[in-house]
C-alpha atoms as a PDB file:
ATOM      1  CA  UNK A   1     -13.188 -25.079  45.181  1.00  0.00           C
ATOM      2  CA  UNK A   2     -12.329 -24.433  41.505  1.00  0.00           C
ATOM      3  CA  UNK A   3     -14.275 -21.589  39.852  1.00  0.00           C
ATOM      4  CA  UNK A   4     -17.505 -22.410  38.035  1.00  0.00           C
ATOM      5  CA  UNK A   5     -16.514 -22.995  34.350  1.00  0.00           C
ATOM      6  CA  UNK A   6     -19.827 -21.470  33.237  1.00  0.00           C
ATOM      7  CA  UNK A   7     -18.956 -17.966  34.460  1.00  0.00           C
ATOM      8  CA  UNK A   8     -16.241 -15.497  33.428  1.00  0.00           C
ATOM      9  CA  UNK A   9     -13.136 -15.583  35.598  1.00  0.00           C
ATOM     10  CA  UNK A  10     -12.348 -12.460  37.618  1.00  0.00           C
ATOM     11  CA  UNK A  11      -9.402 -10.916  39.443  1.00  0.00           C
ATOM     12  CA  UNK A  12     -10.836 -12.394  42.645  1.00  0.00           C
ATOM     13  CA  UNK A  13     -10.406 -15.922  41.257  1.00  0.00           C
ATOM     14  CA  UNK A  14      -6.737 -15.255  40.505  1.00  0.00           C
ATOM     15  CA  UNK A  15      -6.350 -13.539  43.877  1.00  0.00           C
ATOM     16  CA  UNK A  16      -7.717 -16.557  45.736  1.00  0.00           C
ATOM     17  CA  UNK A  17      -5.671 -19.022  43.660  1.00  0.00           C
ATOM     18  CA  UNK A  18      -2.402 -17.115  44.184  1.00  0.00           C
ATOM     19  CA  UNK A  19      -2.977 -15.995  47.766  1.00  0.00           C
ATOM     20  CA  UNK A  20      -2.412 -12.274  47.121  1.00  0.00           C
ATOM     21  CA  UNK A  21      -4.728  -9.257  46.990  1.00  0.00           C
ATOM     22  CA  UNK A  22      -6.764  -8.308  43.943  1.00  0.00           C
ATOM     23  CA  UNK A  23      -4.807  -5.042  43.735  1.00  0.00           C
ATOM     24  CA  UNK A  24      -1.537  -6.972  43.528  1.00  0.00           C
ATOM     25  CA  UNK A  25      -2.992  -9.273  40.878  1.00  0.00           C
ATOM     26  CA  UNK A  26      -4.045  -6.203  38.883  1.00  0.00           C
ATOM     27  CA  UNK A  27      -0.569  -4.693  39.152  1.00  0.00           C
ATOM     28  CA  UNK A  28       1.070  -7.908  37.936  1.00  0.00           C
ATOM     29  CA  UNK A  29      -1.287  -8.417  35.001  1.00  0.00           C
ATOM     30  CA  UNK A  30      -0.953  -4.773  33.899  1.00  0.00           C
ATOM     31  CA  UNK A  31       2.825  -4.897  34.458  1.00  0.00           C
ATOM     32  CA  UNK A  32       2.533  -1.922  36.787  1.00  0.00           C
ATOM     33  CA  UNK A  33       3.920  -1.175  40.236  1.00  0.00           C
ATOM     34  CA  UNK A  34       6.595  -2.677  42.448  1.00  0.00           C
ATOM     35  CA  UNK A  35       5.925  -6.407  42.892  1.00  0.00           C
ATOM     36  CA  UNK A  36       8.510  -9.007  43.909  1.00  0.00           C
ATOM     37  CA  UNK A  37       9.578 -11.581  41.342  1.00  0.00           C
ATOM     38  CA  UNK A  38       8.267 -14.467  43.427  1.00  0.00           C
ATOM     39  CA  UNK A  39       4.853 -12.839  43.827  1.00  0.00           C
ATOM     40  CA  UNK A  40       4.707 -11.956  40.145  1.00  0.00           C
ATOM     41  CA  UNK A  41       5.465 -15.541  39.159  1.00  0.00           C
ATOM     42  CA  UNK A  42       2.863 -16.895  41.603  1.00  0.00           C
ATOM     43  CA  UNK A  43       0.183 -14.645  40.152  1.00  0.00           C
ATOM     44  CA  UNK A  44       1.102 -15.428  36.532  1.00  0.00           C
ATOM     45  CA  UNK A  45       1.190 -19.166  37.243  1.00  0.00           C
ATOM     46  CA  UNK A  46      -2.265 -18.993  38.842  1.00  0.00           C
ATOM     47  CA  UNK A  47      -3.633 -17.008  35.896  1.00  0.00           C
ATOM     48  CA  UNK A  48      -2.192 -19.517  33.407  1.00  0.00           C
ATOM     49  CA  UNK A  49      -3.561 -22.470  35.364  1.00  0.00           C
ATOM     50  CA  UNK A  50      -7.043 -20.984  35.577  1.00  0.00           C
ATOM     51  CA  UNK A  51      -7.010 -19.761  31.975  1.00  0.00           C
ATOM     52  CA  UNK A  52      -7.680 -16.180  33.054  1.00  0.00           C
ATOM     53  CA  UNK A  53      -7.685 -13.504  30.314  1.00  0.00           C
ATOM     54  CA  UNK A  54      -7.816  -9.840  31.444  1.00  0.00           C
ATOM     55  CA  UNK A  55     -10.783  -7.771  30.291  1.00  0.00           C
ATOM     56  CA  UNK A  56      -8.962  -5.095  28.295  1.00  0.00           C
ATOM     57  CA  UNK A  57     -12.201  -3.336  27.382  1.00  0.00           C
ATOM     58  CA  UNK A  58     -13.030  -2.852  31.059  1.00  0.00           C
ATOM     59  CA  UNK A  59      -9.572  -1.368  31.612  1.00  0.00           C
ATOM     60  CA  UNK A  60     -10.032   0.858  28.610  1.00  0.00           C
ATOM     61  CA  UNK A  61     -13.136   2.406  30.171  1.00  0.00           C
ATOM     62  CA  UNK A  62     -10.873   3.931  32.790  1.00  0.00           C
ATOM     63  CA  UNK A  63      -7.835   4.701  30.641  1.00  0.00           C
ATOM     64  CA  UNK A  64      -9.723   5.506  27.399  1.00  0.00           C
ATOM     65  CA  UNK A  65      -7.094   3.411  25.576  1.00  0.00           C
ATOM     66  CA  UNK A  66      -6.622  -0.270  24.758  1.00  0.00           C
ATOM     67  CA  UNK A  67      -3.197  -1.854  24.366  1.00  0.00           C
ATOM     68  CA  UNK A  68      -3.598  -2.225  20.614  1.00  0.00           C
ATOM     69  CA  UNK A  69      -1.557  -0.635  17.850  1.00  0.00           C
ATOM     70  CA  UNK A  70      -3.431  -0.249  14.579  1.00  0.00           C
ATOM     71  CA  UNK A  71      -1.332  -1.072  11.510  1.00  0.00           C
ATOM     72  CA  UNK A  72      -2.801  -0.204   8.105  1.00  0.00           C
ATOM     73  CA  UNK A  73      -1.108  -1.609   5.022  1.00  0.00           C
ATOM     74  CA  UNK A  74      -2.268  -1.519   1.392  1.00  0.00           C
ATOM     75  CA  UNK A  75      -1.984  -5.242   0.632  1.00  0.00           C
ATOM     76  CA  UNK A  76      -1.612  -8.694   2.179  1.00  0.00           C
ATOM     77  CA  UNK A  77      -0.437 -10.241  -1.096  1.00  0.00           C
ATOM     78  CA  UNK A  78       2.478  -7.823  -1.554  1.00  0.00           C
ATOM     79  CA  UNK A  79       5.611  -9.533  -0.204  1.00  0.00           C
ATOM     80  CA  UNK A  80       6.950  -6.189   1.022  1.00  0.00           C
ATOM     81  CA  UNK A  81       4.703  -5.960   4.085  1.00  0.00           C
ATOM     82  CA  UNK A  82       5.286  -9.248   5.968  1.00  0.00           C
ATOM     83  CA  UNK A  83       8.837  -8.103   6.700  1.00  0.00           C
ATOM     84  CA  UNK A  84       7.553  -4.741   7.946  1.00  0.00           C
ATOM     85  CA  UNK A  85       5.117  -6.569  10.235  1.00  0.00           C
ATOM     86  CA  UNK A  86       7.952  -8.756  11.528  1.00  0.00           C
ATOM     87  CA  UNK A  87       9.891  -5.664  12.580  1.00  0.00           C
ATOM     88  CA  UNK A  88       6.826  -4.190  14.301  1.00  0.00           C
ATOM     89  CA  UNK A  89       6.050  -7.426  16.139  1.00  0.00           C
ATOM     90  CA  UNK A  90       9.641  -7.911  17.309  1.00  0.00           C
ATOM     91  CA  UNK A  91       9.721  -4.510  19.008  1.00  0.00           C
ATOM     92  CA  UNK A  92       6.236  -4.664  20.522  1.00  0.00           C
ATOM     93  CA  UNK A  93       6.661  -8.224  21.805  1.00  0.00           C
ATOM     94  CA  UNK A  94       7.666  -7.274  25.366  1.00  0.00           C
ATOM     95  CA  UNK A  95       5.719  -4.010  25.663  1.00  0.00           C
ATOM     96  CA  UNK A  96       2.194  -5.294  26.290  1.00  0.00           C
ATOM     97  CA  UNK A  97       1.126  -3.680  23.003  1.00  0.00           C
ATOM     98  CA  UNK A  98      -0.397  -5.843  20.266  1.00  0.00           C
ATOM     99  CA  UNK A  99      -0.468  -4.937  16.553  1.00  0.00           C
ATOM    100  CA  UNK A 100      -3.810  -5.265  14.768  1.00  0.00           C
ATOM    101  CA  UNK A 101      -3.741  -5.158  10.965  1.00  0.00           C
ATOM    102  CA  UNK A 102      -6.138  -3.499   8.542  1.00  0.00           C
ATOM    103  CA  UNK A 103      -5.859  -3.548   4.728  1.00  0.00           C
ATOM    104  CA  UNK A 104      -6.695  -0.605   2.455  1.00  0.00           C
ATOM    105  CA  UNK A 105      -6.201  -2.325  -0.939  1.00  0.00           C
ATOM    106  CA  UNK A 106      -4.576   0.930  -2.184  1.00  0.00           C
ATOM    107  CA  UNK A 107      -8.026   2.580  -2.043  1.00  0.00           C
ATOM    108  CA  UNK A 108      -8.288   5.927  -0.177  1.00  0.00           C
ATOM    109  CA  UNK A 109     -11.949   5.367   0.683  1.00  0.00           C
ATOM    110  CA  UNK A 110     -11.187   1.933   2.088  1.00  0.00           C
ATOM    111  CA  UNK A 111      -8.267   3.338   4.102  1.00  0.00           C
ATOM    112  CA  UNK A 112     -10.597   6.012   5.491  1.00  0.00           C
ATOM    113  CA  UNK A 113     -13.024   3.344   6.661  1.00  0.00           C
ATOM    114  CA  UNK A 114     -10.306   1.237   8.286  1.00  0.00           C
ATOM    115  CA  UNK A 115      -8.819   4.266  10.081  1.00  0.00           C
ATOM    116  CA  UNK A 116     -12.286   5.169  11.404  1.00  0.00           C
ATOM    117  CA  UNK A 117     -12.950   1.644  12.696  1.00  0.00           C
ATOM    118  CA  UNK A 118      -9.521   1.285  14.299  1.00  0.00           C
ATOM    119  CA  UNK A 119      -9.613   4.678  16.012  1.00  0.00           C
ATOM    120  CA  UNK A 120     -13.065   3.877  17.399  1.00  0.00           C
ATOM    121  CA  UNK A 121     -11.371   1.224  19.565  1.00  0.00           C
ATOM    122  CA  UNK A 122      -9.079   3.911  21.042  1.00  0.00           C
ATOM    123  CA  UNK A 123      -5.754   2.215  20.243  1.00  0.00           C
ATOM    124  CA  UNK A 124      -2.486   3.273  21.870  1.00  0.00           C
ATOM    125  CA  UNK A 125      -0.968   4.186  18.493  1.00  0.00           C
ATOM    126  CA  UNK A 126      -1.356   3.882  14.722  1.00  0.00           C
ATOM    127  CA  UNK A 127       1.109   2.864  12.009  1.00  0.00           C
ATOM    128  CA  UNK A 128      -0.067   3.681   8.481  1.00  0.00           C
ATOM    129  CA  UNK A 129       1.654   2.950   5.169  1.00  0.00           C
ATOM    130  CA  UNK A 130       2.266   6.031   3.059  1.00  0.00           C
ATOM    131  CA  UNK A 131       1.921   9.789   3.445  1.00  0.00           C
ATOM    132  CA  UNK A 132      -0.983  10.381   1.058  1.00  0.00           C
ATOM    133  CA  UNK A 133      -4.471  10.081   2.551  1.00  0.00           C
ATOM    134  CA  UNK A 134      -7.918  11.548   2.012  1.00  0.00           C
ATOM    135  CA  UNK A 135      -8.687  14.802   3.838  1.00  0.00           C
ATOM    136  CA  UNK A 136     -10.979  12.919   6.220  1.00  0.00           C
ATOM    137  CA  UNK A 137      -8.334  10.277   6.989  1.00  0.00           C
ATOM    138  CA  UNK A 138      -5.700  12.906   7.651  1.00  0.00           C
ATOM    139  CA  UNK A 139      -8.064  14.828   9.927  1.00  0.00           C
ATOM    140  CA  UNK A 140      -8.904  11.697  11.937  1.00  0.00           C
ATOM    141  CA  UNK A 141      -5.231  10.849  12.379  1.00  0.00           C
ATOM    142  CA  UNK A 142      -4.324  14.414  13.333  1.00  0.00           C
ATOM    143  CA  UNK A 143      -7.051  14.581  15.994  1.00  0.00           C
ATOM    144  CA  UNK A 144      -6.531  11.082  17.410  1.00  0.00           C
ATOM    145  CA  UNK A 145      -4.375  12.225  20.316  1.00  0.00           C
ATOM    146  CA  UNK A 146      -2.075   9.201  20.016  1.00  0.00           C
ATOM    147  CA  UNK A 147       1.304   8.584  18.316  1.00  0.00           C
ATOM    148  CA  UNK A 148       0.842   8.270  14.538  1.00  0.00           C
ATOM    149  CA  UNK A 149       3.675   6.870  12.404  1.00  0.00           C
ATOM    150  CA  UNK A 150       3.452   6.897   8.614  1.00  0.00           C
ATOM    151  CA  UNK A 151       5.843   4.379   7.104  1.00  0.00           C
ATOM    152  CA  UNK A 152       7.640   3.441   3.873  1.00  0.00           C
ATOM    153  CA  UNK A 153       8.033   7.038   2.620  1.00  0.00           C
ATOM    154  CA  UNK A 154       9.459  10.360   3.817  1.00  0.00           C
ATOM    155  CA  UNK A 155       8.805  12.431   0.658  1.00  0.00           C
ATOM    156  CA  UNK A 156       6.023  14.564   2.057  1.00  0.00           C
ATOM    157  CA  UNK A 157       4.536  16.115   5.194  1.00  0.00           C
ATOM    158  CA  UNK A 158       3.679  13.574   7.910  1.00  0.00           C
ATOM    159  CA  UNK A 159       0.767  13.938  10.313  1.00  0.00           C
ATOM    160  CA  UNK A 160       3.097  13.179  13.225  1.00  0.00           C
ATOM    161  CA  UNK A 161       6.084  10.868  12.683  1.00  0.00           C
ATOM    162  CA  UNK A 162       7.393   9.192   9.530  1.00  0.00           C
ATOM    163  CA  UNK A 163       9.824   6.332   8.922  1.00  0.00           C
ATOM    164  CA  UNK A 164      10.966   5.259   5.479  1.00  0.00           C
ATOM    165  CA  UNK A 165      13.135   6.007   2.502  1.00  0.00           C
ATOM    166  CA  UNK A 166      13.069   8.778  -0.067  1.00  0.00           C
ATOM    167  CA  UNK A 167      11.629   7.074  -3.128  1.00  0.00           C
ATOM    168  CA  UNK A 168      12.628  10.028  -5.299  1.00  0.00           C
ATOM    169  CA  UNK A 169      16.250   9.624  -4.223  1.00  0.00           C
ATOM    170  CA  UNK A 170      15.972   5.867  -4.774  1.00  0.00           C
ATOM    171  CA  UNK A 171      14.893   6.506  -8.379  1.00  0.00           C
ATOM    172  CA  UNK A 172      17.720   8.998  -8.865  1.00  0.00           C
ATOM    173  CA  UNK A 173      20.254   6.520  -7.508  1.00  0.00           C
ATOM    174  CA  UNK A 174      19.077   3.729  -9.799  1.00  0.00           C
ATOM    175  CA  UNK A 175      19.145   6.010 -12.861  1.00  0.00           C
ATOM    176  CA  UNK A 176      22.713   7.083 -12.055  1.00  0.00           C
ATOM    177  CA  UNK A 177      23.862   3.448 -11.780  1.00  0.00           C
ATOM    178  CA  UNK A 178      22.239   2.483 -15.083  1.00  0.00           C
ATOM    179  CA  UNK A 179      23.712   5.455 -16.954  1.00  0.00           C
ATOM    180  CA  UNK A 180      27.159   4.833 -15.423  1.00  0.00           C
ATOM    181  CA  UNK A 181      27.040   1.257 -16.732  1.00  0.00           C
ATOM    182  CA  UNK A 182      26.676   2.573 -20.294  1.00  0.00           C
ATOM    183  CA  UNK A 183      22.989   1.874 -21.004  1.00  0.00           C
ATOM    184  CA  UNK A 184      21.245   4.487 -23.119  1.00  0.00           C
ATOM    185  CA  UNK A 185      17.948   3.123 -24.508  1.00  0.00           C
ATOM    186  CA  UNK A 186      15.987   2.620 -21.322  1.00  0.00           C
ATOM    187  CA  UNK A 187      12.407   1.430 -20.857  1.00  0.00           C
ATOM    188  CA  UNK A 188      10.143   1.514 -17.804  1.00  0.00           C
ATOM    189  CA  UNK A 189       7.721  -1.290 -16.954  1.00  0.00           C
ATOM    190  CA  UNK A 190       5.291  -0.907 -14.081  1.00  0.00           C
ATOM    191  CA  UNK A 191       1.913   0.119 -12.736  1.00  0.00           C
ATOM    192  CA  UNK A 192      -0.194   2.863 -14.327  1.00  0.00           C
ATOM    193  CA  UNK A 193       0.664   6.351 -13.094  1.00  0.00           C
ATOM    194  CA  UNK A 194      -0.506   8.454 -11.473  1.00  0.00           C
ATOM    195  CA  UNK A 195      -2.209   5.838  -9.286  1.00  0.00           C
ATOM    196  CA  UNK A 196      -2.735   5.224  -5.610  1.00  0.00           C
ATOM    197  CA  UNK A 197       0.724   3.635  -5.451  1.00  0.00           C
ATOM    198  CA  UNK A 198       2.336   6.973  -4.675  1.00  0.00           C
ATOM    199  CA  UNK A 199       5.701   5.474  -3.733  1.00  0.00           C
ATOM    200  CA  UNK A 200       6.116   3.894  -7.168  1.00  0.00           C
ATOM    201  CA  UNK A 201       5.161   7.238  -8.721  1.00  0.00           C
ATOM    202  CA  UNK A 202       7.824   9.069  -6.711  1.00  0.00           C
ATOM    203  CA  UNK A 203      10.508   6.538  -7.705  1.00  0.00           C
ATOM    204  CA  UNK A 204       9.500   7.028 -11.314  1.00  0.00           C
ATOM    205  CA  UNK A 205       9.771  10.809 -10.986  1.00  0.00           C
ATOM    206  CA  UNK A 206      13.229  10.493  -9.443  1.00  0.00           C
ATOM    207  CA  UNK A 207      14.284   8.009 -12.121  1.00  0.00           C
ATOM    208  CA  UNK A 208      13.242  10.281 -14.977  1.00  0.00           C
ATOM    209  CA  UNK A 209      14.978  13.222 -13.306  1.00  0.00           C
ATOM    210  CA  UNK A 210      18.156  11.144 -13.084  1.00  0.00           C
ATOM    211  CA  UNK A 211      17.965  10.274 -16.765  1.00  0.00           C
ATOM    212  CA  UNK A 212      17.355  13.914 -17.673  1.00  0.00           C
ATOM    213  CA  UNK A 213      20.518  14.940 -15.821  1.00  0.00           C
ATOM    214  CA  UNK A 214      22.402  12.663 -18.227  1.00  0.00           C
ATOM    215  CA  UNK A 215      20.583  14.073 -21.265  1.00  0.00           C
ATOM    216  CA  UNK A 216      18.421  10.946 -21.622  1.00  0.00           C
ATOM    217  CA  UNK A 217      14.725  10.118 -21.588  1.00  0.00           C
ATOM    218  CA  UNK A 218      12.736   6.900 -21.500  1.00  0.00           C
ATOM    219  CA  UNK A 219      12.327   5.390 -24.951  1.00  0.00           C
ATOM    220  CA  UNK A 220       9.567   2.935 -23.987  1.00  0.00           C
ATOM    221  CA  UNK A 221       6.909   2.454 -21.314  1.00  0.00           C
ATOM    222  CA  UNK A 222       4.667  -0.491 -20.534  1.00  0.00           C
ATOM    223  CA  UNK A 223       1.980  -0.439 -17.846  1.00  0.00           C
ATOM    224  CA  UNK A 224      -0.236  -2.961 -16.100  1.00  0.00           C
ATOM    225  CA  UNK A 225      -3.031  -2.977 -13.520  1.00  0.00           C
ATOM    226  CA  UNK A 226      -3.735  -5.455 -10.748  1.00  0.00           C
ATOM    227  CA  UNK A 227      -1.278  -7.374  -8.589  1.00  0.00           C
ATOM    228  CA  UNK A 228       2.325  -7.819  -9.660  1.00  0.00           C
ATOM    229  CA  UNK A 229       3.306 -11.288 -10.853  1.00  0.00           C
ATOM    230  CA  UNK A 230       5.947 -13.157 -12.811  1.00  0.00           C
ATOM    231  CA  UNK A 231       3.577 -13.716 -15.737  1.00  0.00           C
ATOM    232  CA  UNK A 232       2.842  -9.998 -16.056  1.00  0.00           C
ATOM    233  CA  UNK A 233       6.579  -9.331 -16.133  1.00  0.00           C
ATOM    234  CA  UNK A 234       7.087 -11.816 -18.959  1.00  0.00           C
ATOM    235  CA  UNK A 235       4.190 -10.416 -20.985  1.00  0.00           C
ATOM    236  CA  UNK A 236       5.236  -6.795 -20.531  1.00  0.00           C
ATOM    237  CA  UNK A 237       8.841  -7.535 -21.422  1.00  0.00           C
ATOM    238  CA  UNK A 238       7.798  -9.353 -24.578  1.00  0.00           C
ATOM    239  CA  UNK A 239       5.579  -6.403 -25.580  1.00  0.00           C
ATOM    240  CA  UNK A 240       8.357  -3.837 -25.084  1.00  0.00           C
ATOM    241  CA  UNK A 241      11.059  -5.822 -26.889  1.00  0.00           C
ATOM    242  CA  UNK A 242       8.706  -6.657 -29.752  1.00  0.00           C
ATOM    243  CA  UNK A 243       7.989  -2.957 -30.291  1.00  0.00           C
ATOM    244  CA  UNK A 244      11.543  -1.762 -29.636  1.00  0.00           C
ATOM    245  CA  UNK A 245      14.129  -4.536 -29.990  1.00  0.00           C
ATOM    246  CA  UNK A 246      16.979  -2.030 -29.569  1.00  0.00           C
ATOM    247  CA  UNK A 247      16.050  -1.235 -25.929  1.00  0.00           C
ATOM    248  CA  UNK A 248      19.124  -1.995 -23.816  1.00  0.00           C
ATOM    249  CA  UNK A 249      17.735  -1.617 -20.286  1.00  0.00           C
ATOM    250  CA  UNK A 250      14.450  -2.546 -18.595  1.00  0.00           C
ATOM    251  CA  UNK A 251      13.616  -0.818 -15.295  1.00  0.00           C
ATOM    252  CA  UNK A 252      10.717  -2.471 -13.439  1.00  0.00           C
ATOM    253  CA  UNK A 253       8.673  -0.896 -10.659  1.00  0.00           C
ATOM    254  CA  UNK A 254       9.061  -4.009  -8.492  1.00  0.00           C
ATOM    255  CA  UNK A 255      11.046  -7.225  -8.262  1.00  0.00           C
ATOM    256  CA  UNK A 256       8.219  -9.619  -9.098  1.00  0.00           C
ATOM    257  CA  UNK A 257       7.590  -8.294 -12.601  1.00  0.00           C
ATOM    258  CA  UNK A 258      11.364  -7.805 -12.958  1.00  0.00           C
ATOM    259  CA  UNK A 259      11.885 -11.501 -12.234  1.00  0.00           C
ATOM    260  CA  UNK A 260       9.334 -12.380 -14.908  1.00  0.00           C
ATOM    261  CA  UNK A 261      11.196 -10.139 -17.365  1.00  0.00           C
ATOM    262  CA  UNK A 262      14.524 -11.763 -16.494  1.00  0.00           C
ATOM    263  CA  UNK A 263      13.122 -15.243 -17.102  1.00  0.00           C
ATOM    264  CA  UNK A 264      11.752 -14.106 -20.479  1.00  0.00           C
ATOM    265  CA  UNK A 265      15.114 -12.678 -21.540  1.00  0.00           C
ATOM    266  CA  UNK A 266      16.978 -15.811 -20.502  1.00  0.00           C
ATOM    267  CA  UNK A 267      14.435 -18.033 -22.294  1.00  0.00           C
ATOM    268  CA  UNK A 268      15.035 -16.012 -25.463  1.00  0.00           C
ATOM    269  CA  UNK A 269      18.798 -16.378 -25.121  1.00  0.00           C
ATOM    270  CA  UNK A 270      19.412 -12.649 -24.717  1.00  0.00           C
ATOM    271  CA  UNK A 271      22.792 -11.550 -23.381  1.00  0.00           C
ATOM    272  CA  UNK A 272      22.078 -10.312 -19.839  1.00  0.00           C
ATOM    273  CA  UNK A 273      23.613  -7.922 -18.814  1.00  0.00           C
ATOM    274  CA  UNK A 274      25.772  -7.426 -21.937  1.00  0.00           C
ATOM    275  CA  UNK A 275      23.092  -6.692 -24.532  1.00  0.00           C
ATOM    276  CA  UNK A 276      20.304  -5.850 -22.132  1.00  0.00           C
ATOM    277  CA  UNK A 277      20.231  -4.963 -18.454  1.00  0.00           C
ATOM    278  CA  UNK A 278      17.394  -5.221 -15.937  1.00  0.00           C
ATOM    279  CA  UNK A 279      16.568  -3.884 -12.486  1.00  0.00           C
ATOM    280  CA  UNK A 280      13.642  -4.020 -10.071  1.00  0.00           C
ATOM    281  CA  UNK A 281      12.892  -2.647  -6.633  1.00  0.00           C
ATOM    282  CA  UNK A 282      12.305  -4.008  -3.109  1.00  0.00           C
ATOM    283  CA  UNK A 283      15.089  -6.565  -2.606  1.00  0.00           C
ATOM    284  CA  UNK A 284      12.666  -9.493  -2.210  1.00  0.00           C
ATOM    285  CA  UNK A 285      14.572 -12.461  -0.757  1.00  0.00           C
ATOM    286  CA  UNK A 286      12.207 -14.969  -2.375  1.00  0.00           C
ATOM    287  CA  UNK A 287      13.818 -14.217  -5.746  1.00  0.00           C
ATOM    288  CA  UNK A 288      17.341 -15.194  -4.689  1.00  0.00           C
ATOM    289  CA  UNK A 289      16.849 -18.578  -6.381  1.00  0.00           C
ATOM    290  CA  UNK A 290      16.626 -17.074  -9.880  1.00  0.00           C
ATOM    291  CA  UNK A 291      19.218 -18.192 -12.491  1.00  0.00           C
ATOM    292  CA  UNK A 292      20.712 -14.683 -12.201  1.00  0.00           C
ATOM    293  CA  UNK A 293      20.502 -12.209  -9.344  1.00  0.00           C
ATOM    294  CA  UNK A 294      18.195  -9.385 -10.399  1.00  0.00           C
ATOM    295  CA  UNK A 295      19.554  -5.897  -9.739  1.00  0.00           C
ATOM    296  CA  UNK A 296      17.349  -4.268  -7.124  1.00  0.00           C
ATOM    297  CA  UNK A 297      17.257  -1.909  -4.182  1.00  0.00           C
ATOM    298  CA  UNK A 298      16.649  -2.928  -0.586  1.00  0.00           C
ATOM    299  CA  UNK A 299      13.789  -0.821   0.815  1.00  0.00           C
ATOM    300  CA  UNK A 300      14.808  -1.287   4.503  1.00  0.00           C
ATOM    301  CA  UNK A 301      11.493  -2.970   5.312  1.00  0.00           C
ATOM    302  CA  UNK A 302      12.478  -4.724   8.546  1.00  0.00           C
ATOM    303  CA  UNK A 303      14.160  -1.613   9.937  1.00  0.00           C
ATOM    304  CA  UNK A 304      11.150   0.523   8.990  1.00  0.00           C
ATOM    305  CA  UNK A 305       8.888  -1.754  11.021  1.00  0.00           C
ATOM    306  CA  UNK A 306      11.235  -1.721  13.981  1.00  0.00           C
ATOM    307  CA  UNK A 307      11.688   2.060  14.040  1.00  0.00           C
ATOM    308  CA  UNK A 308       7.944   2.684  13.724  1.00  0.00           C
ATOM    309  CA  UNK A 309       7.190   0.376  16.648  1.00  0.00           C
ATOM    310  CA  UNK A 310       9.950   1.973  18.724  1.00  0.00           C
ATOM    311  CA  UNK A 311       8.321   5.385  18.264  1.00  0.00           C
ATOM    312  CA  UNK A 312       4.910   4.046  19.319  1.00  0.00           C
ATOM    313  CA  UNK A 313       6.378   2.255  22.351  1.00  0.00           C
ATOM    314  CA  UNK A 314       8.620   5.139  23.412  1.00  0.00           C
ATOM    315  CA  UNK A 315      11.764   3.097  22.797  1.00  0.00           C
ATOM    316  CA  UNK A 316      13.631   5.559  20.620  1.00  0.00           C
ATOM    317  CA  UNK A 317      16.949   6.876  22.047  1.00  0.00           C
ATOM    318  CA  UNK A 318      15.512  10.355  22.565  1.00  0.00           C
ATOM    319  CA  UNK A 319      12.666   8.893  24.599  1.00  0.00           C
ATOM    320  CA  UNK A 320      10.187  11.238  22.913  1.00  0.00           C
ATOM    321  CA  UNK A 321       7.013   9.726  21.488  1.00  0.00           C
ATOM    322  CA  UNK A 322       6.053  11.368  18.189  1.00  0.00           C
ATOM    323  CA  UNK A 323       7.174  14.197  15.956  1.00  0.00           C
ATOM    324  CA  UNK A 324      10.109  12.260  14.524  1.00  0.00           C
ATOM    325  CA  UNK A 325      11.106  11.760  10.871  1.00  0.00           C
ATOM    326  CA  UNK A 326      13.547   8.914  10.258  1.00  0.00           C
ATOM    327  CA  UNK A 327      15.028   8.549   6.775  1.00  0.00           C
ATOM    328  CA  UNK A 328      16.699   5.230   6.044  1.00  0.00           C
ATOM    329  CA  UNK A 329      19.085   4.690   3.137  1.00  0.00           C
ATOM    330  CA  UNK A 330      18.289   1.902   0.670  1.00  0.00           C
ATOM    331  CA  UNK A 331      21.154  -0.169  -0.697  1.00  0.00           C
ATOM    332  CA  UNK A 332      21.589  -0.692  -4.435  1.00  0.00           C
ATOM    333  CA  UNK A 333      22.257  -4.363  -5.170  1.00  0.00           C
ATOM    334  CA  UNK A 334      23.582  -4.620  -8.755  1.00  0.00           C
ATOM    335  CA  UNK A 335      23.313  -8.408  -8.836  1.00  0.00           C
ATOM    336  CA  UNK A 336      24.073  -9.994 -12.207  1.00  0.00           C
ATOM    337  CA  UNK A 337      21.863  -7.882 -14.448  1.00  0.00           C
ATOM    338  CA  UNK A 338      23.779  -4.580 -14.640  1.00  0.00           C
ATOM    339  CA  UNK A 339      27.127  -4.381 -16.421  1.00  0.00           C
ATOM    340  CA  UNK A 340      30.093  -3.874 -14.109  1.00  0.00           C
ATOM    341  CA  UNK A 341      31.475  -0.370 -14.382  1.00  0.00           C
END
């Protein structure tokens, strides 16, 4: 007889449908123990046919952990993070671990709340964007007793593991390329600093240090608040060039406002990159359809996601879970908006 559709299915239902013991069914569904391929397939086929879904909470009562990996990112609208999530999902796909996403909106108090809620479910690991957190958030992560991986940045002291790039070195590298191309009157356009976007702040610090090494300093600055967008980039660029028409390079904190600035310059018939150069940050593929390729820097987003998930899942070459700092090297893409040296 088929099981009563009004009650929750159990291991016994799958056991009876597949003709094996409940213990064997449990081993197959938890991907544990030595079970023959034919038996495994019979159990899985029976579970699929019945529509059986394991009770992970019941299992967690014994193990004190659920097969979830908490992932906390600052924004869903920022095009940087979908690629990070792709890398995480690719690695975790065959591990039995499932990523669950929380959003902090760049607000420390919101991040603290999300960390608290996620840890209350006793996940198997946590992946958190950035190294800067409130004291309470850092304490919760440090005492969680699970692998913690902070991503996107390595300029700081991680709670456990970190995977990312050095944003200070990225700023230095961009400054060196701009100076080498002969630009001297350089402006910065980006988010207000200091803000909760610590990675942008670190790039800015590295950029200014790079200019100082060449005996230069920024001649103009233009800031905005809120989400980055093409329109903001156009408006900011117009404001800077109206105040200082002799500026010969515009360095944007991200590609989206940089793309808006590029469109403004082209609309005004400015000689790009001869009279004025431009550069952004992030290497966003969506902008490859622009009339000119914006100079940018690839932030290694996909690889960051993959490496973080490998640490959580114990897939790193060393086989050690935790305590690892992985620095990736971003690639400068000069595009068509920096003069050829």
